[in-house]
Amino acid sequence: MTYANLGRTGIKVSRICLGCMTYGTPGQGNQPWALDEARGDPSFAMGSKRA
């Protein structure tokens, strides 16, 4: 698994985790940009074909 630095925090996160910050419930909390499951599925399908 590949890890990346989370800004200058010193925290390392997996790239797949970092990429998943885009997905969730739109409008819940402070993430109006979030993609719901139906809109996120094509991205995951494409990513799994590249892995």
C-alpha atoms as a PDB file:
ATOM      1  CA  MET A   1       0.000   0.000   0.000  1.00  0.00           C
ATOM      2  CA  THR A   2       1.249   3.477  -0.815  1.00  0.00           C
ATOM      3  CA  TYR A   3       1.198   6.210   1.820  1.00  0.00           C
ATOM      4  CA  ALA A   4       1.343   9.981   1.469  1.00  0.00           C
ATOM      5  CA  ASN A   5       2.003  12.809   3.914  1.00  0.00           C
ATOM      6  CA  LEU A   6      -1.105  14.677   4.994  1.00  0.00           C
ATOM      7  CA  GLY A   7       0.122  18.201   4.401  1.00  0.00           C
ATOM      8  CA  ARG A   8       2.696  19.244   6.991  1.00  0.00           C
ATOM      9  CA  THR A   9       1.029  17.408   9.877  1.00  0.00           C
ATOM     10  CA  GLY A  10       3.517  14.535   9.932  1.00  0.00           C
ATOM     11  CA  ILE A  11       0.607  12.123   9.542  1.00  0.00           C
ATOM     12  CA  LYS A  12       0.815   9.518   6.794  1.00  0.00           C
ATOM     13  CA  VAL A  13      -2.371   8.150   5.254  1.00  0.00           C
ATOM     14  CA  SER A  14      -2.934   5.569   2.556  1.00  0.00           C
ATOM     15  CA  ARG A  15      -3.637   7.082  -0.833  1.00  0.00           C
ATOM     16  CA  ILE A  16      -6.931   5.225  -1.082  1.00  0.00           C
ATOM     17  CA  CYS A  17      -8.048   6.736   2.241  1.00  0.00           C
ATOM     18  CA  LEU A  18      -6.999  10.206   1.172  1.00  0.00           C
ATOM     19  CA  GLY A  19      -8.973   9.798  -2.062  1.00  0.00           C
ATOM     20  CA  CYS A  20     -12.109   8.666  -0.238  1.00  0.00           C
ATOM     21  CA  MET A  21     -12.563  12.034   1.437  1.00  0.00           C
ATOM     22  CA  THR A  22     -14.674  12.982  -1.602  1.00  0.00           C
ATOM     23  CA  TYR A  23     -17.341  10.373  -0.913  1.00  0.00           C
ATOM     24  CA  GLY A  24     -20.126  10.413   1.629  1.00  0.00           C
ATOM     25  CA  THR A  25     -23.475  12.057   2.213  1.00  0.00           C
ATOM     26  CA  PRO A  26     -23.767  15.399   0.401  1.00  0.00           C
ATOM     27  CA  GLY A  27     -24.792  18.220   2.702  1.00  0.00           C
ATOM     28  CA  GLN A  28     -24.023  16.277   5.887  1.00  0.00           C
ATOM     29  CA  GLY A  29     -21.693  18.291   8.036  1.00  0.00           C
ATOM     30  CA  ASN A  30     -19.515  20.709   6.121  1.00  0.00           C
ATOM     31  CA  GLN A  31     -18.950  18.683   2.913  1.00  0.00           C
ATOM     32  CA  PRO A  32     -21.312  19.934   0.209  1.00  0.00           C
ATOM     33  CA  TRP A  33     -18.899  18.546  -2.441  1.00  0.00           C
ATOM     34  CA  ALA A  34     -19.325  14.907  -1.287  1.00  0.00           C
ATOM     35  CA  LEU A  35     -20.493  12.370  -3.847  1.00  0.00           C
ATOM     36  CA  ASP A  36     -23.142   9.857  -2.814  1.00  0.00           C
ATOM     37  CA  GLU A  37     -22.755   6.129  -3.535  1.00  0.00           C
ATOM     38  CA  ALA A  38     -24.377   6.199  -6.974  1.00  0.00           C
ATOM     39  CA  ARG A  39     -22.221   9.110  -8.172  1.00  0.00           C
ATOM     40  CA  GLY A  40     -19.062   7.674  -6.597  1.00  0.00           C
ATOM     41  CA  ASP A  41     -19.317   4.125  -7.967  1.00  0.00           C
ATOM     42  CA  PRO A  42     -17.829   4.947 -11.413  1.00  0.00           C
ATOM     43  CA  SER A  43     -14.719   6.410  -9.765  1.00  0.00           C
ATOM     44  CA  PHE A  44     -14.184   3.314  -7.634  1.00  0.00           C
ATOM     45  CA  ALA A  45     -14.736   1.052 -10.650  1.00  0.00           C
ATOM     46  CA  MET A  46     -12.116   2.960 -12.637  1.00  0.00           C
ATOM     47  CA  GLY A  47      -9.683   2.929  -9.721  1.00  0.00           C
ATOM     48  CA  SER A  48      -9.999  -0.801  -9.182  1.00  0.00           C
ATOM     49  CA  LYS A  49      -9.224  -1.451 -12.858  1.00  0.00           C
ATOM     50  CA  ARG A  50      -6.000   0.600 -12.549  1.00  0.00           C
ATOM     51  CA  ALA A  51      -4.796  -1.083  -9.354  1.00  0.00           C
END
